[in-house]
Amino acid sequence: MAKTSSVEKNNRRRKLVDLNAAKRKALKVIIMDKSLPIEERFRAQLKLAAMPRNSSKTRIRNRCEVTGRPRAYYRKLKMSRIALRELGSLGAVPGLVKSSW
């Protein structure tokens, strides 16, 4: 099991990303629009830089929903390889046939 503080920090980041997603997207549209004057684009760039860093989507870490493990994460199943192996041994994952010989 991962540290509770690490898991909660990641959850806070997810909430912050959801709160600021629309604002960040609007600022990025202004920044990328080459038809606008450079001063206006620069002001938008400064506003974007002033926003919290944790509101960026790239700051979110994929973590196992079962254990919170940050590595060896399968996106399709939203869990780590270790949790998948344990649940597969119990027969809790539909369609997974675990071989043993």
N, C-alpha and C. Protein backbone atom coordinates (compact mmCIF):
# COMPACT_ATOMS: atom_id res chain seq x y z
N MET A 1 0.84 -1.18 0.00
CA MET A 1 0.00 0.00 0.00
C MET A 1 0.88 1.25 0.00
N ALA A 2 0.54 2.20 -0.84
CA ALA A 2 1.31 3.43 -0.95
C ALA A 2 1.02 4.35 0.24
N LYS A 3 1.90 5.33 0.43
CA LYS A 3 1.68 6.30 1.50
C LYS A 3 0.38 7.05 1.25
N THR A 4 -0.40 7.21 2.29
CA THR A 4 -1.69 7.89 2.18
C THR A 4 -1.49 9.33 1.73
N SER A 5 -0.43 9.97 2.21
CA SER A 5 -0.19 11.36 1.84
C SER A 5 0.07 11.51 0.34
N SER A 6 0.79 10.56 -0.25
CA SER A 6 1.06 10.62 -1.69
C SER A 6 -0.21 10.45 -2.51
N VAL A 7 -1.05 9.53 -2.07
CA VAL A 7 -2.30 9.29 -2.78
C VAL A 7 -3.21 10.51 -2.67
N GLU A 8 -3.28 11.10 -1.47
CA GLU A 8 -4.14 12.27 -1.27
C GLU A 8 -3.61 13.49 -2.03
N LYS A 9 -2.29 13.63 -2.10
CA LYS A 9 -1.70 14.74 -2.85
C LYS A 9 -2.09 14.64 -4.33
N ASN A 10 -2.06 13.41 -4.85
CA ASN A 10 -2.45 13.19 -6.23
C ASN A 10 -3.94 13.48 -6.43
N ASN A 11 -4.77 13.13 -5.45
CA ASN A 11 -6.21 13.42 -5.53
C ASN A 11 -6.47 14.93 -5.52
N ARG A 12 -5.70 15.67 -4.71
CA ARG A 12 -5.82 17.13 -4.70
C ARG A 12 -5.45 17.70 -6.07
N ARG A 13 -4.41 17.14 -6.69
CA ARG A 13 -4.00 17.60 -8.02
C ARG A 13 -5.12 17.36 -9.03
N ARG A 14 -5.77 16.20 -8.95
CA ARG A 14 -6.87 15.90 -9.88
C ARG A 14 -7.99 16.93 -9.74
N LYS A 15 -8.33 17.29 -8.50
CA LYS A 15 -9.39 18.28 -8.28
C LYS A 15 -8.99 19.64 -8.84
N LEU A 16 -7.73 20.03 -8.62
CA LEU A 16 -7.23 21.32 -9.10
C LEU A 16 -7.22 21.37 -10.63
N VAL A 17 -6.88 20.26 -11.26
CA VAL A 17 -6.89 20.19 -12.73
C VAL A 17 -8.31 20.39 -13.23
N ASP A 18 -9.29 19.73 -12.60
CA ASP A 18 -10.68 19.86 -13.02
C ASP A 18 -11.19 21.28 -12.84
N LEU A 19 -10.78 21.94 -11.75
CA LEU A 19 -11.23 23.30 -11.50
C LEU A 19 -10.70 24.30 -12.53
N ASN A 20 -9.44 24.14 -12.92
CA ASN A 20 -8.77 25.14 -13.76
C ASN A 20 -8.64 24.74 -15.22
N ALA A 21 -9.22 23.62 -15.63
CA ALA A 21 -9.03 23.13 -17.00
C ALA A 21 -9.55 24.13 -18.03
N ALA A 22 -10.74 24.67 -17.81
CA ALA A 22 -11.33 25.59 -18.79
C ALA A 22 -10.52 26.88 -18.90
N LYS A 23 -10.07 27.39 -17.77
CA LYS A 23 -9.29 28.64 -17.77
C LYS A 23 -7.95 28.45 -18.48
N ARG A 24 -7.29 27.32 -18.21
CA ARG A 24 -6.01 27.03 -18.85
C ARG A 24 -6.19 26.88 -20.36
N LYS A 25 -7.26 26.21 -20.76
CA LYS A 25 -7.51 26.00 -22.19
C LYS A 25 -7.75 27.32 -22.90
N ALA A 26 -8.53 28.21 -22.26
CA ALA A 26 -8.81 29.52 -22.85
C ALA A 26 -7.52 30.33 -23.02
N LEU A 27 -6.66 30.29 -22.01
CA LEU A 27 -5.40 31.03 -22.09
C LEU A 27 -4.50 30.47 -23.18
N LYS A 28 -4.48 29.15 -23.32
CA LYS A 28 -3.64 28.53 -24.35
C LYS A 28 -4.13 28.86 -25.75
N VAL A 29 -5.46 28.98 -25.91
CA VAL A 29 -6.00 29.37 -27.22
C VAL A 29 -5.52 30.78 -27.57
N ILE A 30 -5.53 31.68 -26.59
CA ILE A 30 -5.06 33.04 -26.83
C ILE A 30 -3.57 33.05 -27.17
N ILE A 31 -2.79 32.26 -26.43
CA ILE A 31 -1.34 32.22 -26.64
C ILE A 31 -1.00 31.69 -28.03
N MET A 32 -1.72 30.70 -28.50
CA MET A 32 -1.42 30.08 -29.80
C MET A 32 -1.98 30.85 -31.00
N ASP A 33 -2.87 31.80 -30.78
CA ASP A 33 -3.48 32.56 -31.88
C ASP A 33 -2.50 33.60 -32.41
N LYS A 34 -1.93 33.34 -33.56
CA LYS A 34 -0.90 34.23 -34.13
C LYS A 34 -1.47 35.55 -34.66
N SER A 35 -2.79 35.61 -34.83
CA SER A 35 -3.39 36.83 -35.37
C SER A 35 -3.53 37.93 -34.30
N LEU A 36 -3.46 37.55 -33.02
CA LEU A 36 -3.56 38.53 -31.93
C LEU A 36 -2.24 39.28 -31.77
N PRO A 37 -2.30 40.49 -31.20
CA PRO A 37 -1.05 41.24 -30.96
C PRO A 37 -0.16 40.52 -29.93
N ILE A 38 1.12 40.70 -30.06
CA ILE A 38 2.10 40.02 -29.21
C ILE A 38 1.92 40.40 -27.74
N GLU A 39 1.50 41.64 -27.45
CA GLU A 39 1.32 42.07 -26.06
C GLU A 39 0.21 41.28 -25.37
N GLU A 40 -0.88 41.11 -26.11
CA GLU A 40 -2.01 40.36 -25.54
C GLU A 40 -1.63 38.89 -25.30
N ARG A 41 -0.90 38.31 -26.24
CA ARG A 41 -0.46 36.92 -26.09
C ARG A 41 0.50 36.79 -24.92
N PHE A 42 1.37 37.79 -24.75
CA PHE A 42 2.33 37.75 -23.64
C PHE A 42 1.62 37.87 -22.29
N ARG A 43 0.58 38.73 -22.22
CA ARG A 43 -0.20 38.84 -20.98
C ARG A 43 -0.87 37.51 -20.64
N ALA A 44 -1.39 36.83 -21.64
CA ALA A 44 -2.01 35.52 -21.43
C ALA A 44 -0.97 34.51 -20.95
N GLN A 45 0.24 34.61 -21.50
CA GLN A 45 1.32 33.71 -21.08
C GLN A 45 1.67 33.94 -19.62
N LEU A 46 1.71 35.21 -19.19
CA LEU A 46 2.01 35.52 -17.80
C LEU A 46 0.90 35.03 -16.86
N LYS A 47 -0.35 35.16 -17.29
CA LYS A 47 -1.47 34.66 -16.48
C LYS A 47 -1.39 33.14 -16.34
N LEU A 48 -1.04 32.47 -17.43
CA LEU A 48 -0.90 31.01 -17.38
C LEU A 48 0.23 30.61 -16.44
N ALA A 49 1.32 31.35 -16.48
CA ALA A 49 2.47 31.04 -15.62
C ALA A 49 2.16 31.32 -14.15
N ALA A 50 1.22 32.25 -13.90
CA ALA A 50 0.87 32.59 -12.51
C ALA A 50 -0.08 31.58 -11.89
N MET A 51 -0.69 30.73 -12.70
CA MET A 51 -1.62 29.72 -12.17
C MET A 51 -0.84 28.66 -11.40
N PRO A 52 -1.51 27.94 -10.50
CA PRO A 52 -0.80 26.90 -9.74
C PRO A 52 -0.25 25.81 -10.65
N ARG A 53 0.95 25.37 -10.35
CA ARG A 53 1.58 24.33 -11.18
C ARG A 53 0.78 23.03 -11.13
N ASN A 54 0.20 22.73 -9.98
CA ASN A 54 -0.54 21.48 -9.84
C ASN A 54 -1.86 21.48 -10.61
N SER A 55 -2.20 22.60 -11.25
CA SER A 55 -3.41 22.62 -12.05
C SER A 55 -3.13 22.14 -13.48
N SER A 56 -1.89 21.80 -13.76
CA SER A 56 -1.53 21.25 -15.06
C SER A 56 -1.78 19.75 -15.07
N LYS A 57 -2.33 19.25 -16.18
CA LYS A 57 -2.70 17.84 -16.26
C LYS A 57 -1.49 16.92 -16.21
N THR A 58 -0.34 17.41 -16.64
CA THR A 58 0.85 16.57 -16.66
C THR A 58 1.40 16.29 -15.27
N ARG A 59 0.90 17.00 -14.25
CA ARG A 59 1.38 16.77 -12.88
C ARG A 59 0.70 15.57 -12.22
N ILE A 60 -0.37 15.08 -12.83
CA ILE A 60 -1.08 13.94 -12.25
C ILE A 60 -0.30 12.66 -12.51
N ARG A 61 -0.18 11.84 -11.48
CA ARG A 61 0.51 10.56 -11.59
C ARG A 61 -0.53 9.45 -11.64
N ASN A 62 -0.40 8.54 -12.60
CA ASN A 62 -1.30 7.39 -12.65
C ASN A 62 -0.97 6.46 -11.50
N ARG A 63 -1.99 6.15 -10.70
CA ARG A 63 -1.79 5.28 -9.54
C ARG A 63 -2.81 4.17 -9.55
N CYS A 64 -2.42 3.03 -9.01
CA CYS A 64 -3.31 1.87 -8.89
C CYS A 64 -4.48 2.24 -7.98
N GLU A 65 -5.70 1.94 -8.42
CA GLU A 65 -6.88 2.26 -7.60
C GLU A 65 -7.03 1.31 -6.43
N VAL A 66 -6.38 0.16 -6.49
CA VAL A 66 -6.47 -0.81 -5.40
C VAL A 66 -5.46 -0.50 -4.30
N THR A 67 -4.19 -0.31 -4.69
CA THR A 67 -3.13 -0.15 -3.72
C THR A 67 -2.52 1.25 -3.68
N GLY A 68 -2.67 2.02 -4.74
CA GLY A 68 -2.05 3.34 -4.80
C GLY A 68 -0.64 3.32 -5.35
N ARG A 69 -0.19 2.16 -5.81
CA ARG A 69 1.16 2.02 -6.34
C ARG A 69 1.33 2.87 -7.60
N PRO A 70 2.43 3.67 -7.69
CA PRO A 70 2.59 4.57 -8.83
C PRO A 70 3.26 3.94 -10.06
N ARG A 71 3.87 2.79 -9.91
CA ARG A 71 4.60 2.20 -11.03
C ARG A 71 3.93 0.91 -11.51
N ALA A 72 4.32 0.47 -12.70
CA ALA A 72 3.77 -0.74 -13.32
C ALA A 72 2.25 -0.66 -13.37
N TYR A 73 1.74 0.45 -13.94
CA TYR A 73 0.32 0.76 -13.98
C TYR A 73 -0.25 0.42 -15.35
N TYR A 74 -1.33 -0.35 -15.37
CA TYR A 74 -2.04 -0.65 -16.61
C TYR A 74 -3.19 0.32 -16.75
N ARG A 75 -3.16 1.16 -17.78
CA ARG A 75 -4.19 2.19 -17.96
C ARG A 75 -5.56 1.58 -18.17
N LYS A 76 -5.63 0.52 -18.94
CA LYS A 76 -6.92 -0.07 -19.28
C LYS A 76 -7.63 -0.62 -18.04
N LEU A 77 -6.87 -1.14 -17.10
CA LEU A 77 -7.45 -1.74 -15.91
C LEU A 77 -7.40 -0.82 -14.69
N LYS A 78 -6.64 0.28 -14.79
CA LYS A 78 -6.45 1.23 -13.70
C LYS A 78 -5.90 0.58 -12.43
N MET A 79 -4.98 -0.36 -12.63
CA MET A 79 -4.34 -0.99 -11.47
C MET A 79 -2.93 -1.43 -11.83
N SER A 80 -2.17 -1.74 -10.80
CA SER A 80 -0.78 -2.15 -11.01
C SER A 80 -0.71 -3.64 -11.32
N ARG A 81 0.46 -4.06 -11.77
CA ARG A 81 0.65 -5.46 -12.13
C ARG A 81 0.49 -6.38 -10.93
N ILE A 82 0.89 -5.90 -9.77
CA ILE A 82 0.83 -6.72 -8.56
C ILE A 82 -0.62 -6.93 -8.13
N ALA A 83 -1.42 -5.86 -8.14
CA ALA A 83 -2.84 -5.97 -7.80
C ALA A 83 -3.56 -6.84 -8.81
N LEU A 84 -3.18 -6.70 -10.10
CA LEU A 84 -3.80 -7.52 -11.14
C LEU A 84 -3.50 -8.99 -10.91
N ARG A 85 -2.29 -9.30 -10.53
CA ARG A 85 -1.91 -10.69 -10.28
C ARG A 85 -2.69 -11.27 -9.11
N GLU A 86 -2.80 -10.48 -8.03
CA GLU A 86 -3.53 -10.97 -6.86
C GLU A 86 -5.01 -11.19 -7.16
N LEU A 87 -5.64 -10.21 -7.83
CA LEU A 87 -7.05 -10.36 -8.17
C LEU A 87 -7.27 -11.45 -9.21
N GLY A 88 -6.29 -11.63 -10.11
CA GLY A 88 -6.38 -12.70 -11.10
C GLY A 88 -6.31 -14.07 -10.45
N SER A 89 -5.50 -14.20 -9.41
CA SER A 89 -5.40 -15.47 -8.70
C SER A 89 -6.70 -15.82 -7.98
N LEU A 90 -7.40 -14.77 -7.53
CA LEU A 90 -8.68 -14.98 -6.85
C LEU A 90 -9.84 -15.19 -7.83
N GLY A 91 -9.58 -14.93 -9.12
CA GLY A 91 -10.62 -15.06 -10.12
C GLY A 91 -11.55 -13.87 -10.16
N ALA A 92 -11.09 -12.70 -9.70
CA ALA A 92 -11.94 -11.52 -9.62
C ALA A 92 -11.90 -10.66 -10.88
N VAL A 93 -10.99 -10.98 -11.83
CA VAL A 93 -10.89 -10.19 -13.05
C VAL A 93 -11.54 -10.99 -14.17
N PRO A 94 -12.66 -10.49 -14.72
CA PRO A 94 -13.34 -11.25 -15.79
C PRO A 94 -12.50 -11.33 -17.05
N GLY A 95 -12.44 -12.52 -17.61
CA GLY A 95 -11.72 -12.72 -18.85
C GLY A 95 -10.23 -13.00 -18.68
N LEU A 96 -9.73 -12.94 -17.46
CA LEU A 96 -8.31 -13.20 -17.22
C LEU A 96 -8.12 -14.66 -16.82
N VAL A 97 -7.34 -15.38 -17.60
CA VAL A 97 -7.04 -16.77 -17.29
C VAL A 97 -5.60 -16.83 -16.87
N LYS A 98 -5.37 -17.17 -15.61
CA LYS A 98 -4.01 -17.21 -15.08
C LYS A 98 -3.51 -18.65 -15.13
N SER A 99 -2.44 -18.84 -15.84
CA SER A 99 -1.92 -20.20 -15.99
C SER A 99 -1.07 -20.57 -14.78
N SER A 100 -1.11 -21.84 -14.45
CA SER A 100 -0.23 -22.37 -13.41
C SER A 100 0.08 -23.82 -13.77
N TRP A 101 1.34 -24.19 -13.71
CA TRP A 101 1.72 -25.57 -14.02
C TRP A 101 2.84 -26.02 -13.15
